[in-house]
Amino acid sequence: MVLRNFLNFREVSLFKVEKDKILYFYHMKKEDIAEFYDEYVQRQLKIGANERLISLYKRLMGLGLKEDSKILELGCGVGIFTKLLTKKVSNGIIEAVDLSEKSVTVAKTELKSKKNIHFDVADVVKYHPKNSDFDFITLMDVIEHIPLEQHEELFGNLAKIATDKTKIAINIPNPQYIGYARINHPETLQVVDQEVHLFPLIQHLEKYNLELVFFEKYGIWEEEDYHFMVIRKKRDFQLKHLADQRNLKEKIAKKVSVKINEIKYK
């Protein structure tokens, strides 16, 4: 049903092809999708580390990315974001996966000097990682390119891979932006570029004992053109006093902040 509605919405041209080609797209196998991304390699290399990827790298830094972090990067493409991760992750492990064999080959070549990266060609929906106990699982602008009917399986697999400490970081285009582009600028969309709405995503999380702990609608090139979220395994509530977790420097800073607020707002 989702695909049928999606097709009706896309009777406009997709990459300036005819409607019968669009009908074929909806019967594409994953090998056909991989072929598209094989041909997409040069465009990715030309764009490089753009403002969006740099901002996502900074977000991971804010979430606690460290030199010894273990990261599973699902949908690594030609390794542009992987390369950014290596700027911080010097002693940890990065396991980077993509469906496109050509993309992974290019990534390996570009990052051949980095010995802490393991690349693999695989379907991220069904992927079984070689490593375990990850600090982060990243899907940066990936799940909108995975058919919606496979999202339940994807999140079921993520739930199996994640541990209690794992942060699952996901970035997607605002689905309203995708809808707008589909009508007004269809040539800017990729072969699978779907609107990923929050409600069905939350339903998948609930089914597999995952929870959304952070969500932000933000802008990179247009106002509110992206969504960023952090997901983790559900956990029982435990009473932990924040004051007990602060070091001496943080305690002093907190006291100063409280005193300033008392003066400012009384």
C-alpha atoms as a PDB file:
ATOM      1  CA  MET A   1       0.000   0.000   0.000  1.00  0.00           C
ATOM      2  CA  VAL A   2       2.818   2.377   0.845  1.00  0.00           C
ATOM      3  CA  LEU A   3       4.519   1.744  -2.459  1.00  0.00           C
ATOM      4  CA  ARG A   4       1.316   2.186  -4.432  1.00  0.00           C
ATOM      5  CA  ASN A   5       0.628   5.569  -2.850  1.00  0.00           C
ATOM      6  CA  PHE A   6       4.244   6.522  -3.353  1.00  0.00           C
ATOM      7  CA  LEU A   7       4.020   5.646  -7.042  1.00  0.00           C
ATOM      8  CA  ASN A   8       0.873   7.713  -7.536  1.00  0.00           C
ATOM      9  CA  PHE A   9       2.645  10.641  -5.917  1.00  0.00           C
ATOM     10  CA  ARG A  10       5.552  10.188  -8.299  1.00  0.00           C
ATOM     11  CA  GLU A  11       3.808  10.244 -11.650  1.00  0.00           C
ATOM     12  CA  VAL A  12       6.052  13.233 -12.237  1.00  0.00           C
ATOM     13  CA  SER A  13       9.401  12.312 -13.737  1.00  0.00           C
ATOM     14  CA  LEU A  14      12.128  10.727 -11.631  1.00  0.00           C
ATOM     15  CA  PHE A  15      15.545  11.609 -12.985  1.00  0.00           C
ATOM     16  CA  LYS A  16      13.603  12.693 -16.083  1.00  0.00           C
ATOM     17  CA  VAL A  17      12.513   9.204 -17.095  1.00  0.00           C
ATOM     18  CA  GLU A  18       9.132   8.011 -18.270  1.00  0.00           C
ATOM     19  CA  LYS A  19       6.400   6.581 -16.083  1.00  0.00           C
ATOM     20  CA  ASP A  20       6.984   3.015 -17.272  1.00  0.00           C
ATOM     21  CA  LYS A  21      10.534   3.266 -15.918  1.00  0.00           C
ATOM     22  CA  ILE A  22       9.146   4.410 -12.571  1.00  0.00           C
ATOM     23  CA  LEU A  23       6.951   1.330 -12.519  1.00  0.00           C
ATOM     24  CA  TYR A  24      10.078  -0.768 -13.026  1.00  0.00           C
ATOM     25  CA  PHE A  25      11.768   1.009 -10.119  1.00  0.00           C
ATOM     26  CA  TYR A  26       9.195  -0.359  -7.731  1.00  0.00           C
ATOM     27  CA  HIS A  27      10.120  -3.872  -8.722  1.00  0.00           C
ATOM     28  CA  MET A  28      13.840  -3.281  -8.421  1.00  0.00           C
ATOM     29  CA  LYS A  29      15.929  -5.831  -6.618  1.00  0.00           C
ATOM     30  CA  LYS A  30      18.599  -4.766  -4.148  1.00  0.00           C
ATOM     31  CA  GLU A  31      21.191  -5.580  -6.827  1.00  0.00           C
ATOM     32  CA  ASP A  32      19.606  -2.907  -9.035  1.00  0.00           C
ATOM     33  CA  ILE A  33      19.718  -0.400  -6.198  1.00  0.00           C
ATOM     34  CA  ALA A  34      23.366  -1.295  -5.567  1.00  0.00           C
ATOM     35  CA  GLU A  35      24.079  -0.652  -9.250  1.00  0.00           C
ATOM     36  CA  PHE A  36      22.620   2.851  -8.922  1.00  0.00           C
ATOM     37  CA  TYR A  37      24.963   3.622  -6.033  1.00  0.00           C
ATOM     38  CA  ASP A  38      27.892   2.120  -7.925  1.00  0.00           C
ATOM     39  CA  GLU A  39      27.247   4.796 -10.543  1.00  0.00           C
ATOM     40  CA  TYR A  40      26.762   7.426  -7.819  1.00  0.00           C
ATOM     41  CA  VAL A  41      30.361   7.119  -6.591  1.00  0.00           C
ATOM     42  CA  GLN A  42      31.919  10.009  -8.511  1.00  0.00           C
ATOM     43  CA  ARG A  43      29.223  12.413  -7.359  1.00  0.00           C
ATOM     44  CA  GLN A  44      29.862  11.461  -3.725  1.00  0.00           C
ATOM     45  CA  LEU A  45      33.611  11.945  -4.125  1.00  0.00           C
ATOM     46  CA  LYS A  46      33.105  15.331  -5.753  1.00  0.00           C
ATOM     47  CA  ILE A  47      30.857  16.558  -2.919  1.00  0.00           C
ATOM     48  CA  GLY A  48      33.176  15.285  -0.184  1.00  0.00           C
ATOM     49  CA  ALA A  49      32.730  16.281   3.459  1.00  0.00           C
ATOM     50  CA  ASN A  50      29.973  18.842   3.097  1.00  0.00           C
ATOM     51  CA  GLU A  51      28.350  20.992   5.778  1.00  0.00           C
ATOM     52  CA  ARG A  52      25.817  18.284   6.652  1.00  0.00           C
ATOM     53  CA  LEU A  53      28.399  15.564   7.302  1.00  0.00           C
ATOM     54  CA  ILE A  54      30.641  17.895   9.284  1.00  0.00           C
ATOM     55  CA  SER A  55      27.693  18.916  11.464  1.00  0.00           C
ATOM     56  CA  LEU A  56      26.858  15.241  12.081  1.00  0.00           C
ATOM     57  CA  TYR A  57      30.458  14.527  13.059  1.00  0.00           C
ATOM     58  CA  LYS A  58      30.276  17.383  15.573  1.00  0.00           C
ATOM     59  CA  ARG A  59      27.037  15.942  16.945  1.00  0.00           C
ATOM     60  CA  LEU A  60      28.754  12.612  17.607  1.00  0.00           C
ATOM     61  CA  MET A  61      31.556  14.473  19.351  1.00  0.00           C
ATOM     62  CA  GLY A  62      28.935  16.058  21.581  1.00  0.00           C
ATOM     63  CA  LEU A  63      27.450  12.616  22.272  1.00  0.00           C
ATOM     64  CA  GLY A  64      30.766  11.336  23.598  1.00  0.00           C
ATOM     65  CA  LEU A  65      32.771  10.125  20.599  1.00  0.00           C
ATOM     66  CA  LYS A  66      36.235   9.200  21.889  1.00  0.00           C
ATOM     67  CA  GLU A  67      39.597   7.993  20.617  1.00  0.00           C
ATOM     68  CA  ASP A  68      38.751   4.398  21.571  1.00  0.00           C
ATOM     69  CA  SER A  69      35.085   4.354  20.520  1.00  0.00           C
ATOM     70  CA  LYS A  70      33.700   1.354  18.633  1.00  0.00           C
ATOM     71  CA  ILE A  71      31.443   2.401  15.769  1.00  0.00           C
ATOM     72  CA  LEU A  72      29.245   0.506  13.336  1.00  0.00           C
ATOM     73  CA  GLU A  73      28.655   2.773  10.342  1.00  0.00           C
ATOM     74  CA  LEU A  74      25.773   1.456   8.255  1.00  0.00           C
ATOM     75  CA  GLY A  75      25.619   2.978   4.789  1.00  0.00           C
ATOM     76  CA  CYS A  76      29.200   4.248   4.584  1.00  0.00           C
ATOM     77  CA  GLY A  77      29.151   5.052   0.859  1.00  0.00           C
ATOM     78  CA  VAL A  78      32.611   6.014  -0.382  1.00  0.00           C
ATOM     79  CA  GLY A  79      33.860   6.636   3.159  1.00  0.00           C
ATOM     80  CA  ILE A  80      33.482  10.415   3.436  1.00  0.00           C
ATOM     81  CA  PHE A  81      31.905  10.253   6.912  1.00  0.00           C
ATOM     82  CA  THR A  82      34.184   7.344   7.810  1.00  0.00           C
ATOM     83  CA  LYS A  83      37.172   9.600   7.188  1.00  0.00           C
ATOM     84  CA  LEU A  84      35.710  12.254   9.489  1.00  0.00           C
ATOM     85  CA  LEU A  85      35.268   9.638  12.215  1.00  0.00           C
ATOM     86  CA  THR A  86      38.943   8.699  12.001  1.00  0.00           C
ATOM     87  CA  LYS A  87      39.902  12.240  13.008  1.00  0.00           C
ATOM     88  CA  LYS A  88      38.769  11.326  16.516  1.00  0.00           C
ATOM     89  CA  VAL A  89      38.674   7.520  16.581  1.00  0.00           C
ATOM     90  CA  SER A  90      42.380   6.714  16.451  1.00  0.00           C
ATOM     91  CA  ASN A  91      42.514   3.723  18.803  1.00  0.00           C
ATOM     92  CA  GLY A  92      38.991   2.380  18.481  1.00  0.00           C
ATOM     93  CA  ILE A  93      37.261   0.363  15.760  1.00  0.00           C
ATOM     94  CA  ILE A  94      35.135   1.526  12.851  1.00  0.00           C
ATOM     95  CA  GLU A  95      33.140  -1.157  11.031  1.00  0.00           C
ATOM     96  CA  ALA A  96      31.791   0.423   7.846  1.00  0.00           C
ATOM     97  CA  VAL A  97      29.200  -1.261   5.609  1.00  0.00           C
ATOM     98  CA  ASP A  98      27.534  -0.445   2.300  1.00  0.00           C
ATOM     99  CA  LEU A  99      25.446  -2.231  -0.327  1.00  0.00           C
ATOM    100  CA  SER A 100      27.530  -0.808  -3.183  1.00  0.00           C
ATOM    101  CA  GLU A 101      30.661  -2.845  -3.864  1.00  0.00           C
ATOM    102  CA  LYS A 102      32.191  -0.049  -5.917  1.00  0.00           C
ATOM    103  CA  SER A 103      31.629   2.466  -3.108  1.00  0.00           C
ATOM    104  CA  VAL A 104      33.338   0.195  -0.588  1.00  0.00           C
ATOM    105  CA  THR A 105      36.256  -0.416  -2.965  1.00  0.00           C
ATOM    106  CA  VAL A 106      36.751   3.340  -3.295  1.00  0.00           C
ATOM    107  CA  ALA A 107      36.468   3.805   0.483  1.00  0.00           C
ATOM    108  CA  LYS A 108      39.112   1.145   1.094  1.00  0.00           C
ATOM    109  CA  THR A 109      41.466   2.876  -1.328  1.00  0.00           C
ATOM    110  CA  GLU A 110      40.855   6.319   0.141  1.00  0.00           C
ATOM    111  CA  LEU A 111      41.414   5.097   3.708  1.00  0.00           C
ATOM    112  CA  LYS A 112      43.992   2.352   3.153  1.00  0.00           C
ATOM    113  CA  SER A 113      46.376   3.947   5.667  1.00  0.00           C
ATOM    114  CA  LYS A 114      43.828   3.552   8.480  1.00  0.00           C
ATOM    115  CA  LYS A 115      44.292   0.168  10.135  1.00  0.00           C
ATOM    116  CA  ASN A 116      41.333   0.376  12.527  1.00  0.00           C
ATOM    117  CA  ILE A 117      38.617   0.290   9.839  1.00  0.00           C
ATOM    118  CA  HIS A 118      36.882  -2.895   8.711  1.00  0.00           C
ATOM    119  CA  PHE A 119      34.872  -2.487   5.481  1.00  0.00           C
ATOM    120  CA  ASP A 120      32.186  -4.872   4.281  1.00  0.00           C
ATOM    121  CA  VAL A 121      29.819  -5.070   1.314  1.00  0.00           C
ATOM    122  CA  ALA A 122      26.411  -6.102   2.624  1.00  0.00           C
ATOM    123  CA  ASP A 123      22.741  -5.262   2.994  1.00  0.00           C
ATOM    124  CA  VAL A 124      22.584  -3.102   6.134  1.00  0.00           C
ATOM    125  CA  VAL A 125      19.074  -4.365   6.911  1.00  0.00           C
ATOM    126  CA  LYS A 126      20.331  -7.899   7.550  1.00  0.00           C
ATOM    127  CA  TYR A 127      23.936  -7.188   8.483  1.00  0.00           C
ATOM    128  CA  HIS A 128      25.682  -9.252  11.160  1.00  0.00           C
ATOM    129  CA  PRO A 129      28.729  -7.268  12.333  1.00  0.00           C
ATOM    130  CA  LYS A 130      32.152  -8.784  12.779  1.00  0.00           C
ATOM    131  CA  ASN A 131      32.675  -6.787  15.991  1.00  0.00           C
ATOM    132  CA  SER A 132      30.381  -6.233  18.976  1.00  0.00           C
ATOM    133  CA  ASP A 133      29.747  -3.975  21.972  1.00  0.00           C
ATOM    134  CA  PHE A 134      29.506  -0.810  19.866  1.00  0.00           C
ATOM    135  CA  ASP A 135      29.415   2.652  21.414  1.00  0.00           C
ATOM    136  CA  PHE A 136      27.671   4.042  18.334  1.00  0.00           C
ATOM    137  CA  ILE A 137      25.670   2.724  15.405  1.00  0.00           C
ATOM    138  CA  THR A 138      25.257   5.386  12.735  1.00  0.00           C
ATOM    139  CA  LEU A 139      22.806   5.601   9.848  1.00  0.00           C
ATOM    140  CA  MET A 140      23.457   9.038   8.400  1.00  0.00           C
ATOM    141  CA  ASP A 141      21.008   9.755   5.592  1.00  0.00           C
ATOM    142  CA  VAL A 142      20.516   6.046   5.033  1.00  0.00           C
ATOM    143  CA  ILE A 143      17.101   4.804   6.117  1.00  0.00           C
ATOM    144  CA  GLU A 144      15.212   7.007   3.644  1.00  0.00           C
ATOM    145  CA  HIS A 145      16.951   4.951   0.924  1.00  0.00           C
ATOM    146  CA  ILE A 146      15.801   1.629   2.419  1.00  0.00           C
ATOM    147  CA  PRO A 147      12.288   0.536   1.301  1.00  0.00           C
ATOM    148  CA  LEU A 148       9.796   1.340   4.059  1.00  0.00           C
ATOM    149  CA  GLU A 149       8.553  -2.240   4.237  1.00  0.00           C
ATOM    150  CA  GLN A 150      12.060  -3.286   5.346  1.00  0.00           C
ATOM    151  CA  HIS A 151      12.280  -0.816   8.242  1.00  0.00           C
ATOM    152  CA  GLU A 152      10.760  -3.206  10.769  1.00  0.00           C
ATOM    153  CA  GLU A 153      13.411  -5.810   9.958  1.00  0.00           C
ATOM    154  CA  LEU A 154      16.109  -3.131  10.105  1.00  0.00           C
ATOM    155  CA  PHE A 155      15.177  -1.986  13.609  1.00  0.00           C
ATOM    156  CA  GLY A 156      14.778  -5.571  14.761  1.00  0.00           C
ATOM    157  CA  ASN A 157      18.353  -6.195  13.661  1.00  0.00           C
ATOM    158  CA  LEU A 158      19.606  -2.982  15.295  1.00  0.00           C
ATOM    159  CA  ALA A 159      18.012  -4.089  18.567  1.00  0.00           C
ATOM    160  CA  LYS A 160      19.997  -7.336  18.394  1.00  0.00           C
ATOM    161  CA  ILE A 161      23.274  -5.553  17.683  1.00  0.00           C
ATOM    162  CA  ALA A 162      22.923  -2.766  20.249  1.00  0.00           C
ATOM    163  CA  THR A 163      23.961  -3.121  23.881  1.00  0.00           C
ATOM    164  CA  ASP A 164      22.817  -0.995  26.810  1.00  0.00           C
ATOM    165  CA  LYS A 165      25.571   1.544  26.124  1.00  0.00           C
ATOM    166  CA  THR A 166      24.999   1.827  22.356  1.00  0.00           C
ATOM    167  CA  LYS A 167      23.749   5.105  20.914  1.00  0.00           C
ATOM    168  CA  ILE A 168      22.011   4.658  17.547  1.00  0.00           C
ATOM    169  CA  ALA A 169      22.394   7.958  15.669  1.00  0.00           C
ATOM    170  CA  ILE A 170      20.096   8.513  12.694  1.00  0.00           C
ATOM    171  CA  ASN A 171      19.872  11.471  10.330  1.00  0.00           C
ATOM    172  CA  ILE A 172      17.163  11.765   7.677  1.00  0.00           C
ATOM    173  CA  PRO A 173      15.707  14.484   5.478  1.00  0.00           C
ATOM    174  CA  ASN A 174      12.527  16.034   6.833  1.00  0.00           C
ATOM    175  CA  PRO A 175       9.778  13.919   5.176  1.00  0.00           C
ATOM    176  CA  GLN A 176       7.902  17.106   4.301  1.00  0.00           C
ATOM    177  CA  TYR A 177      10.980  18.309   2.456  1.00  0.00           C
ATOM    178  CA  ILE A 178      11.121  15.039   0.481  1.00  0.00           C
ATOM    179  CA  GLY A 179       7.437  15.462  -0.388  1.00  0.00           C
ATOM    180  CA  TYR A 180       8.090  18.995  -1.591  1.00  0.00           C
ATOM    181  CA  ALA A 181      11.105  17.908  -3.656  1.00  0.00           C
ATOM    182  CA  ARG A 182       9.122  15.068  -5.208  1.00  0.00           C
ATOM    183  CA  ILE A 183       6.727  17.588  -6.751  1.00  0.00           C
ATOM    184  CA  ASN A 184       8.996  20.548  -7.400  1.00  0.00           C
ATOM    185  CA  HIS A 185      12.510  19.126  -7.872  1.00  0.00           C
ATOM    186  CA  PRO A 186      12.262  15.368  -8.594  1.00  0.00           C
ATOM    187  CA  GLU A 187      15.658  15.398 -10.321  1.00  0.00           C
ATOM    188  CA  THR A 188      17.313  15.966  -6.922  1.00  0.00           C
ATOM    189  CA  LEU A 189      16.035  12.671  -5.483  1.00  0.00           C
ATOM    190  CA  GLN A 190      17.914   9.384  -5.465  1.00  0.00           C
ATOM    191  CA  VAL A 191      16.607   6.080  -6.799  1.00  0.00           C
ATOM    192  CA  VAL A 192      14.972   5.313  -3.432  1.00  0.00           C
ATOM    193  CA  ASP A 193      14.201   8.514  -1.519  1.00  0.00           C
ATOM    194  CA  GLN A 194      11.225   8.073   0.779  1.00  0.00           C
ATOM    195  CA  GLU A 195       9.427  10.100   3.418  1.00  0.00           C
ATOM    196  CA  VAL A 196      10.283   8.557   6.796  1.00  0.00           C
ATOM    197  CA  HIS A 197       7.659   9.753   9.269  1.00  0.00           C
ATOM    198  CA  LEU A 198       8.169   9.685  13.009  1.00  0.00           C
ATOM    199  CA  PHE A 199       5.039   7.761  14.047  1.00  0.00           C
ATOM    200  CA  PRO A 200       5.721   4.488  12.144  1.00  0.00           C
ATOM    201  CA  LEU A 201       9.359   4.725  13.203  1.00  0.00           C
ATOM    202  CA  ILE A 202       8.304   4.958  16.869  1.00  0.00           C
ATOM    203  CA  GLN A 203       6.118   1.877  16.357  1.00  0.00           C
ATOM    204  CA  HIS A 204       9.162  -0.102  15.190  1.00  0.00           C
ATOM    205  CA  LEU A 205      11.128   1.092  18.209  1.00  0.00           C
ATOM    206  CA  GLU A 206       8.372   0.036  20.604  1.00  0.00           C
ATOM    207  CA  LYS A 207       8.165  -3.414  19.055  1.00  0.00           C
ATOM    208  CA  TYR A 208      11.877  -4.067  19.573  1.00  0.00           C
ATOM    209  CA  ASN A 209      12.308  -2.494  23.019  1.00  0.00           C
ATOM    210  CA  LEU A 210      14.101   0.588  21.733  1.00  0.00           C
ATOM    211  CA  GLU A 211      13.415   4.191  22.705  1.00  0.00           C
ATOM    212  CA  LEU A 212      13.900   7.639  21.231  1.00  0.00           C
ATOM    213  CA  VAL A 213      15.991   9.721  23.644  1.00  0.00           C
ATOM    214  CA  PHE A 214      16.698  12.732  21.430  1.00  0.00           C
ATOM    215  CA  PHE A 215      14.998  14.286  18.407  1.00  0.00           C
ATOM    216  CA  GLU A 216      15.687  17.554  16.629  1.00  0.00           C
ATOM    217  CA  LYS A 217      14.252  19.142  13.510  1.00  0.00           C
ATOM    218  CA  TYR A 218      16.981  21.413  12.167  1.00  0.00           C
ATOM    219  CA  GLY A 219      18.223  23.141   9.041  1.00  0.00           C
ATOM    220  CA  ILE A 220      21.378  22.825   6.965  1.00  0.00           C
ATOM    221  CA  TRP A 221      20.551  24.415   3.602  1.00  0.00           C
ATOM    222  CA  GLU A 222      16.839  25.040   4.070  1.00  0.00           C
ATOM    223  CA  GLU A 223      14.840  25.780   7.193  1.00  0.00           C
ATOM    224  CA  GLU A 224      14.052  22.487   8.993  1.00  0.00           C
ATOM    225  CA  ASP A 225      15.232  20.313   6.096  1.00  0.00           C
ATOM    226  CA  TYR A 226      16.620  17.530   8.344  1.00  0.00           C
ATOM    227  CA  HIS A 227      15.745  15.391  11.351  1.00  0.00           C
ATOM    228  CA  PHE A 228      18.370  14.048  13.761  1.00  0.00           C
ATOM    229  CA  MET A 229      17.613  11.462  16.422  1.00  0.00           C
ATOM    230  CA  VAL A 230      19.323   9.263  18.977  1.00  0.00           C
ATOM    231  CA  ILE A 231      17.902   5.851  19.910  1.00  0.00           C
ATOM    232  CA  ARG A 232      18.932   3.340  22.566  1.00  0.00           C
ATOM    233  CA  LYS A 233      17.697   0.139  24.155  1.00  0.00           C
ATOM    234  CA  LYS A 234      14.991   0.705  26.745  1.00  0.00           C
ATOM    235  CA  ARG A 235      16.198   0.546  30.320  1.00  0.00           C
ATOM    236  CA  ASP A 236      14.591   0.487  33.739  1.00  0.00           C
ATOM    237  CA  PHE A 237      14.576   3.833  35.511  1.00  0.00           C
ATOM    238  CA  GLN A 238      17.251   4.169  38.167  1.00  0.00           C
ATOM    239  CA  LEU A 239      17.456   7.123  40.535  1.00  0.00           C
ATOM    240  CA  LYS A 240      20.859   8.726  39.957  1.00  0.00           C
ATOM    241  CA  HIS A 241      21.619  12.120  41.460  1.00  0.00           C
ATOM    242  CA  LEU A 242      23.305  14.325  38.891  1.00  0.00           C
ATOM    243  CA  ALA A 243      25.276  16.034  41.660  1.00  0.00           C
ATOM    244  CA  ASP A 244      26.957  12.736  42.503  1.00  0.00           C
ATOM    245  CA  GLN A 245      28.176  12.362  38.928  1.00  0.00           C
ATOM    246  CA  ARG A 246      29.920  15.764  38.705  1.00  0.00           C
ATOM    247  CA  ASN A 247      33.658  16.166  39.213  1.00  0.00           C
ATOM    248  CA  LEU A 248      35.062  19.030  41.294  1.00  0.00           C
ATOM    249  CA  LYS A 249      35.336  21.420  38.345  1.00  0.00           C
ATOM    250  CA  GLU A 250      31.752  20.690  37.282  1.00  0.00           C
ATOM    251  CA  LYS A 251      30.478  21.147  40.847  1.00  0.00           C
ATOM    252  CA  ILE A 252      32.106  24.569  41.109  1.00  0.00           C
ATOM    253  CA  ALA A 253      30.723  25.604  37.713  1.00  0.00           C
ATOM    254  CA  LYS A 254      27.263  24.423  38.758  1.00  0.00           C
ATOM    255  CA  LYS A 255      27.333  26.436  41.986  1.00  0.00           C
ATOM    256  CA  VAL A 256      28.423  29.556  40.111  1.00  0.00           C
ATOM    257  CA  SER A 257      25.666  29.036  37.530  1.00  0.00           C
ATOM    258  CA  VAL A 258      23.014  28.588  40.226  1.00  0.00           C
ATOM    259  CA  LYS A 259      24.176  31.752  42.022  1.00  0.00           C
ATOM    260  CA  ILE A 260      24.103  33.776  38.792  1.00  0.00           C
ATOM    261  CA  ASN A 261      20.572  32.554  38.054  1.00  0.00           C
ATOM    262  CA  GLU A 262      19.430  33.465  41.570  1.00  0.00           C
ATOM    263  CA  ILE A 263      20.686  37.013  41.096  1.00  0.00           C
ATOM    264  CA  LYS A 264      19.397  37.309  37.521  1.00  0.00           C
ATOM    265  CA  TYR A 265      15.874  35.975  37.978  1.00  0.00           C
ATOM    266  CA  LYS A 266      14.929  37.097  41.500  1.00  0.00           C
END
